[in-house]
C-alpha cells in the first residue's frame, strides 16, 4: 500500500514537471529582462547564472514541497476532498520559503542590499508562480468537470432516447363510457384530445394522414387514462395535448395558445395550466 501511494505521488510529480519548469523559466525571463534587482555588478554570463539560480529556487521548492505534501496527503487521507484540504497551507509554505530563499540569495550571493522595497518585490515575484499554478489547477479541474458532465449528458441522452423510443412505441386504448367503442393507438401518433359535448374527440396520425374519432366519454375520464404517460398534458379545460407535437407557445396580450406540428388548429391555453406548459416546454 505504501509503495502504491509513493508511486501515485511520483506519477503526479511527473505529470506536472513540465509545468513547474515552464513557471521557473518564466521567473528567470522576468527577472532577466525587467531586472527588479540591481545586477550591474555582474558580467552578462554571470548575470545569467545568477538569475538562473533564482529560477532554480522556485523550481526546487515547488518540487520538494509538493512531493512532501502529495505523499502526506496520499498517506493520510482517503478521498479527494480531504486531499485538497492542505493545499492552501502548502502554497503558503512555498511562498514563504521562496521569499526567504530569494532574500538570502540576493543578499549573500548577489550582494544586494535588502530593503523594504526589495522585499516587497521579492514577495510579489514569489507569489506570481503560485497564482499561475492555482489558476491552471482551477482551469484543469473545470475542464475535467466539464468533460465528466459531457460524458454523463451523453449517457443520459442515450438512455433517454432509448426510453422514449420504447415508450412512444407503446399503445394506449381509448374506451367509451359504456365500453362499446374502443380505439387502440400508438402513443406517438396521438396528437390531442378535446371535449365535444358528451364526446371526446381524439386527433391522431395514421401514416401521413390526420384523423379524428369521437368516443362517448368525458375528458376527465380520458385524462385519468393518459396520466400514466408524462408526455400528455392538459392545457385547457377542453383540451389535452401530446407534448411531443407542440411546435410553439404563442402569446397575444393575455391570451396564450399552442401551435402543433401536424395540424393547423390553435389550441387554447388557460392561465391555470400555463406554468405547467412552460415547464414542459
Protein backbone atom coordinates (compact mmCIF):
# COMPACT_ATOMS: atom_id res chain seq x y z
CA UNK A 1 0.00 0.00 0.00
CA UNK A 2 2.79 2.42 0.91
CA UNK A 3 4.62 1.67 -2.36
CA UNK A 4 1.44 2.31 -4.33
CA UNK A 5 0.92 5.68 -2.62
CA UNK A 6 4.54 6.68 -3.29
CA UNK A 7 4.17 5.70 -6.95
CA UNK A 8 0.99 7.80 -7.15
CA UNK A 9 2.91 10.75 -5.76
CA UNK A 10 5.71 10.23 -8.30
CA UNK A 11 3.18 9.99 -11.15
CA UNK A 12 1.58 13.30 -10.09
CA UNK A 13 5.04 14.88 -9.98
CA UNK A 14 5.99 13.63 -13.47
CA UNK A 15 2.70 14.92 -14.83
CA UNK A 16 3.36 18.48 -13.58
CA UNK A 17 7.15 18.57 -14.06
CA UNK A 18 6.94 20.40 -17.39
CA UNK A 19 4.58 22.95 -15.86
CA UNK A 20 6.97 23.67 -12.97
CA UNK A 21 9.88 24.05 -15.40
CA UNK A 22 7.85 26.50 -17.50
CA UNK A 23 6.94 28.60 -14.47
CA UNK A 24 10.55 28.66 -13.26
CA UNK A 25 11.71 29.65 -16.73
CA UNK A 26 9.10 32.42 -16.70
CA UNK A 27 10.55 33.74 -13.43
CA UNK A 28 14.03 33.60 -14.98
CA UNK A 29 12.96 35.60 -18.03
CA UNK A 30 11.05 38.17 -16.00
CA UNK A 31 13.99 38.92 -13.70
CA UNK A 32 16.47 38.90 -16.61
CA UNK A 33 14.58 41.37 -18.78
CA UNK A 34 12.88 43.62 -16.21
CA UNK A 35 15.72 43.47 -13.64
CA UNK A 36 13.75 44.25 -10.49
CA UNK A 37 17.03 43.89 -8.58
CA UNK A 38 20.31 45.65 -9.28
CA UNK A 39 22.52 43.25 -11.26
CA UNK A 40 25.04 45.76 -12.66
CA UNK A 41 27.95 44.22 -10.78
CA UNK A 42 27.65 41.01 -12.82
CA UNK A 43 29.00 40.38 -16.30
CA UNK A 44 26.47 39.02 -18.77
CA UNK A 45 27.37 35.34 -18.33
CA UNK A 46 27.48 35.64 -14.54
CA UNK A 47 24.19 37.52 -14.64
CA UNK A 48 22.59 34.62 -16.49
CA UNK A 49 23.89 32.14 -13.93
CA UNK A 50 22.75 34.32 -11.03
CA UNK A 51 19.22 34.79 -12.43
CA UNK A 52 19.05 31.08 -13.28
CA UNK A 53 19.70 30.44 -9.59
CA UNK A 54 16.57 32.44 -8.69
CA UNK A 55 14.52 30.38 -11.14
CA UNK A 56 16.05 27.21 -9.70
CA UNK A 57 14.98 28.24 -6.18
CA UNK A 58 11.36 28.46 -7.32
CA UNK A 59 11.58 25.14 -9.18
CA UNK A 60 13.26 23.21 -6.36
CA UNK A 61 10.97 24.49 -3.62
CA UNK A 62 7.81 23.80 -5.63
CA UNK A 63 9.01 20.28 -6.41
CA UNK A 64 10.14 19.43 -2.86
CA UNK A 65 7.12 20.82 -1.02
CA UNK A 66 4.62 19.38 -3.49
CA UNK A 67 6.28 15.95 -3.24
CA UNK A 68 6.12 16.07 0.55
CA UNK A 69 2.51 17.25 0.68
CA UNK A 70 1.35 14.83 -2.02
CA UNK A 71 2.94 11.94 -0.13
CA UNK A 72 1.43 13.07 3.21
CA UNK A 73 -1.99 13.56 1.63
CA UNK A 74 -1.97 10.16 -0.10
CA UNK A 75 -0.83 8.52 3.11
CA UNK A 76 -3.21 10.27 5.49
CA UNK A 77 -6.44 10.84 3.55
CA UNK A 78 -8.83 8.65 1.68
CA UNK A 79 -10.92 10.90 -0.58
CA UNK A 80 -10.12 13.71 -2.97
CA UNK A 81 -11.89 16.34 -0.91
CA UNK A 82 -9.64 15.63 2.05
CA UNK A 83 -6.56 15.51 -0.21
CA UNK A 84 -7.35 19.04 -1.42
CA UNK A 85 -7.61 20.44 2.13
CA UNK A 86 -3.86 21.07 2.86
CA UNK A 87 -3.22 22.78 -0.49
CA UNK A 88 -3.64 26.32 0.78
CA UNK A 89 -1.14 25.71 3.56
CA UNK A 90 1.22 24.06 1.05
CA UNK A 91 1.08 27.08 -1.28
CA UNK A 92 1.61 29.44 1.65
CA UNK A 93 4.68 27.42 2.67
CA UNK A 94 6.09 27.55 -0.87
CA UNK A 95 5.57 31.32 -0.98
CA UNK A 96 7.15 31.86 2.46
CA UNK A 97 10.22 29.68 1.85
CA UNK A 98 10.69 31.09 -1.66
CA UNK A 99 10.63 34.64 -0.30
CA UNK A 100 13.16 33.79 2.43
CA UNK A 101 15.41 31.88 -0.02
CA UNK A 102 15.25 34.77 -2.51
CA UNK A 103 16.24 37.27 0.19
CA UNK A 104 19.23 35.19 1.35
CA UNK A 105 20.31 34.50 -2.24
CA UNK A 106 20.12 38.20 -3.16
CA UNK A 107 21.94 39.29 0.00
CA UNK A 108 24.75 36.75 0.21
CA UNK A 109 25.21 35.73 -3.45
CA UNK A 110 24.11 38.83 -5.31
CA UNK A 111 25.31 41.24 -2.60
CA UNK A 112 22.05 43.19 -2.96
CA UNK A 113 21.13 45.42 -0.03
CA UNK A 114 17.83 44.17 1.38
CA UNK A 115 15.30 46.94 1.95
CA UNK A 116 11.56 47.01 2.46
CA UNK A 117 11.08 47.85 -1.24
CA UNK A 118 13.32 44.96 -2.32
CA UNK A 119 11.41 42.55 -0.05
CA UNK A 120 8.12 43.84 -1.45
CA UNK A 121 9.29 42.94 -4.97
CA UNK A 122 10.58 39.56 -3.74
CA UNK A 123 7.21 38.78 -2.18
CA UNK A 124 5.35 39.67 -5.39
CA UNK A 125 7.71 37.67 -7.61
CA UNK A 126 7.40 34.61 -5.35
CA UNK A 127 3.63 34.99 -5.25
CA UNK A 128 3.24 35.06 -9.05
CA UNK A 129 4.13 31.36 -9.67
CA UNK A 130 1.58 30.24 -7.07
CA UNK A 131 -1.15 32.38 -8.63
CA UNK A 132 -0.35 30.87 -12.04
CA UNK A 133 -0.40 27.35 -10.57
CA UNK A 134 -3.70 27.98 -8.78
CA UNK A 135 -5.33 29.37 -11.94
CA UNK A 136 -4.05 26.46 -14.03
CA UNK A 137 -5.24 23.95 -11.43
CA UNK A 138 -8.69 25.57 -11.34
CA UNK A 139 -8.85 25.58 -15.13
CA UNK A 140 -7.78 21.93 -15.27
CA UNK A 141 -10.39 20.99 -12.66
CA UNK A 142 -13.13 22.87 -14.52
CA UNK A 143 -12.12 21.21 -17.78
CA UNK A 144 -12.17 17.80 -16.10
CA UNK A 145 -15.62 18.52 -14.62
CA UNK A 146 -16.86 19.70 -17.99
CA UNK A 147 -15.61 16.53 -19.69
CA UNK A 148 -17.25 14.40 -16.97
CA UNK A 149 -20.53 16.29 -17.34
CA UNK A 150 -20.45 15.91 -21.13
CA UNK A 151 -19.93 12.16 -20.72
CA UNK A 152 -22.80 11.97 -18.23
CA UNK A 153 -25.06 14.01 -20.53
CA UNK A 154 -24.21 11.71 -23.43
CA UNK A 155 -25.02 8.61 -21.36
CA UNK A 156 -28.26 10.10 -20.02
CA UNK A 157 -29.27 11.26 -23.53
CA UNK A 158 -28.67 7.79 -24.94
CA UNK A 159 -30.75 6.20 -22.16
CA UNK A 160 -33.46 8.84 -22.60
CA UNK A 161 -33.63 8.31 -26.36
CA UNK A 162 -33.89 4.56 -25.85
CA UNK A 163 -36.54 5.07 -23.18
CA UNK A 164 -38.53 7.44 -25.39
CA UNK A 165 -38.30 5.07 -28.36
CA UNK A 166 -39.60 2.21 -26.23
CA UNK A 167 -42.16 4.45 -24.56
CA UNK A 168 -43.58 6.05 -27.69
CA UNK A 169 -43.93 2.70 -29.43
CA UNK A 170 -46.35 1.58 -26.75
CA UNK A 171 -50.06 1.75 -27.42
CA UNK A 172 -52.91 3.29 -25.49
CA UNK A 173 -56.53 2.15 -25.63
CA UNK A 174 -59.32 4.70 -25.50
CA UNK A 175 -62.59 3.17 -24.33
CA UNK A 176 -66.03 4.74 -24.45
CA UNK A 177 -68.01 5.26 -21.27
CA UNK A 178 -70.22 2.24 -21.90
CA UNK A 179 -67.27 0.17 -23.25
CA UNK A 180 -68.98 -0.23 -26.61
CA UNK A 181 -66.24 1.58 -28.54
CA UNK A 182 -62.50 1.11 -28.40
CA UNK A 183 -59.66 2.91 -30.14
CA UNK A 184 -56.18 1.46 -29.88
CA UNK A 185 -53.40 3.91 -30.87
CA UNK A 186 -49.62 4.19 -30.67
CA UNK A 187 -48.82 6.91 -28.11
CA UNK A 188 -46.59 8.77 -30.56
CA UNK A 189 -49.48 9.03 -33.04
CA UNK A 190 -51.87 10.73 -30.64
CA UNK A 191 -51.86 14.50 -31.21
CA UNK A 192 -54.55 15.78 -28.88
CA UNK A 193 -57.83 15.03 -27.15
CA UNK A 194 -60.59 17.61 -26.72
CA UNK A 195 -64.08 17.58 -25.36
CA UNK A 196 -67.03 17.81 -27.74
CA UNK A 197 -70.25 17.95 -25.71
CA UNK A 198 -70.76 14.39 -24.43
CA UNK A 199 -67.90 13.06 -26.50
CA UNK A 200 -64.12 13.28 -26.62
CA UNK A 201 -62.52 13.94 -29.96
CA UNK A 202 -59.26 12.05 -30.47
CA UNK A 203 -57.00 13.61 -33.11
CA UNK A 204 -54.29 11.23 -34.28
CA UNK A 205 -51.98 10.36 -37.15
CA UNK A 206 -52.43 7.34 -39.34
CA UNK A 207 -49.45 7.20 -41.64
CA UNK A 208 -49.27 10.68 -43.22
CA UNK A 209 -52.98 11.39 -42.69
CA UNK A 210 -54.55 13.22 -39.75
CA UNK A 211 -57.71 11.55 -38.50
CA UNK A 212 -60.34 12.32 -35.88
CA UNK A 213 -62.51 9.97 -33.89
CA UNK A 214 -65.32 10.70 -31.46
CA UNK A 215 -65.66 8.49 -28.42
CA UNK A 216 -68.51 8.87 -25.98
CA UNK A 217 -66.75 9.75 -22.74
CA UNK A 218 -65.67 12.71 -20.65
CA UNK A 219 -62.30 14.43 -20.92
CA UNK A 220 -61.87 13.88 -17.19
CA UNK A 221 -62.05 10.10 -17.64
CA UNK A 222 -59.69 10.20 -20.59
CA UNK A 223 -57.27 12.32 -18.57
CA UNK A 224 -57.13 9.59 -15.90
CA UNK A 225 -56.11 7.13 -18.62
CA UNK A 226 -53.35 9.27 -20.12
CA UNK A 227 -51.98 10.49 -16.78
CA UNK A 228 -49.85 7.34 -16.79
CA UNK A 229 -47.83 8.89 -19.62
CA UNK A 230 -45.80 12.02 -18.93
CA UNK A 231 -45.97 13.34 -22.50
CA UNK A 232 -49.69 14.14 -22.22
CA UNK A 233 -50.55 17.42 -20.56
CA UNK A 234 -53.74 19.36 -20.06
CA UNK A 235 -53.58 22.87 -21.48
CA UNK A 236 -57.22 23.90 -21.17
CA UNK A 237 -60.41 22.62 -19.55
CA UNK A 238 -61.40 21.35 -23.01
CA UNK A 239 -58.09 20.01 -24.29
CA UNK A 240 -55.18 17.62 -23.59
CA UNK A 241 -52.15 17.64 -25.91
CA UNK A 242 -49.20 15.37 -26.61
CA UNK A 243 -46.15 17.50 -25.74
CA UNK A 244 -44.10 15.81 -28.49
CA UNK A 245 -46.33 17.53 -31.04
CA UNK A 246 -46.12 21.03 -29.58
CA UNK A 247 -44.44 23.40 -32.01
CA UNK A 248 -44.71 26.73 -30.22
CA UNK A 249 -46.36 28.52 -27.32
CA UNK A 250 -47.86 31.79 -28.60
CA UNK A 251 -48.98 34.89 -26.77
CA UNK A 252 -51.10 37.90 -27.63
CA UNK A 253 -51.81 40.27 -24.75
CA UNK A 254 -53.26 37.97 -22.04
CA UNK A 255 -54.16 35.14 -24.40
CA UNK A 256 -51.98 32.07 -24.94
CA UNK A 257 -52.32 29.27 -27.42
CA UNK A 258 -50.33 26.37 -28.84
CA UNK A 259 -49.47 25.60 -32.43
CA UNK A 260 -48.90 21.93 -33.14
CA UNK A 261 -46.66 20.27 -35.72
CA UNK A 262 -49.25 18.30 -37.65
CA UNK A 263 -52.46 20.36 -37.53
CA UNK A 264 -53.30 24.00 -38.17
CA UNK A 265 -55.66 24.46 -35.21
CA UNK A 266 -54.75 26.95 -32.49
CA UNK A 267 -55.05 25.12 -29.17
CA UNK A 268 -56.07 27.42 -26.30
CA UNK A 269 -54.02 27.55 -23.11
CA UNK A 270 -55.74 28.69 -19.95
CA UNK A 271 -53.92 30.59 -17.24
CA UNK A 272 -54.16 27.80 -14.66
CA UNK A 273 -52.23 25.41 -16.95
CA UNK A 274 -49.79 27.96 -18.40
CA UNK A 275 -46.97 27.43 -15.88
CA UNK A 276 -47.10 23.66 -16.33
CA UNK A 277 -46.96 24.06 -20.12
CA UNK A 278 -43.91 26.34 -19.85
CA UNK A 279 -42.14 23.86 -17.56
CA UNK A 280 -42.73 21.04 -20.03
CA UNK A 281 -41.51 23.10 -22.94
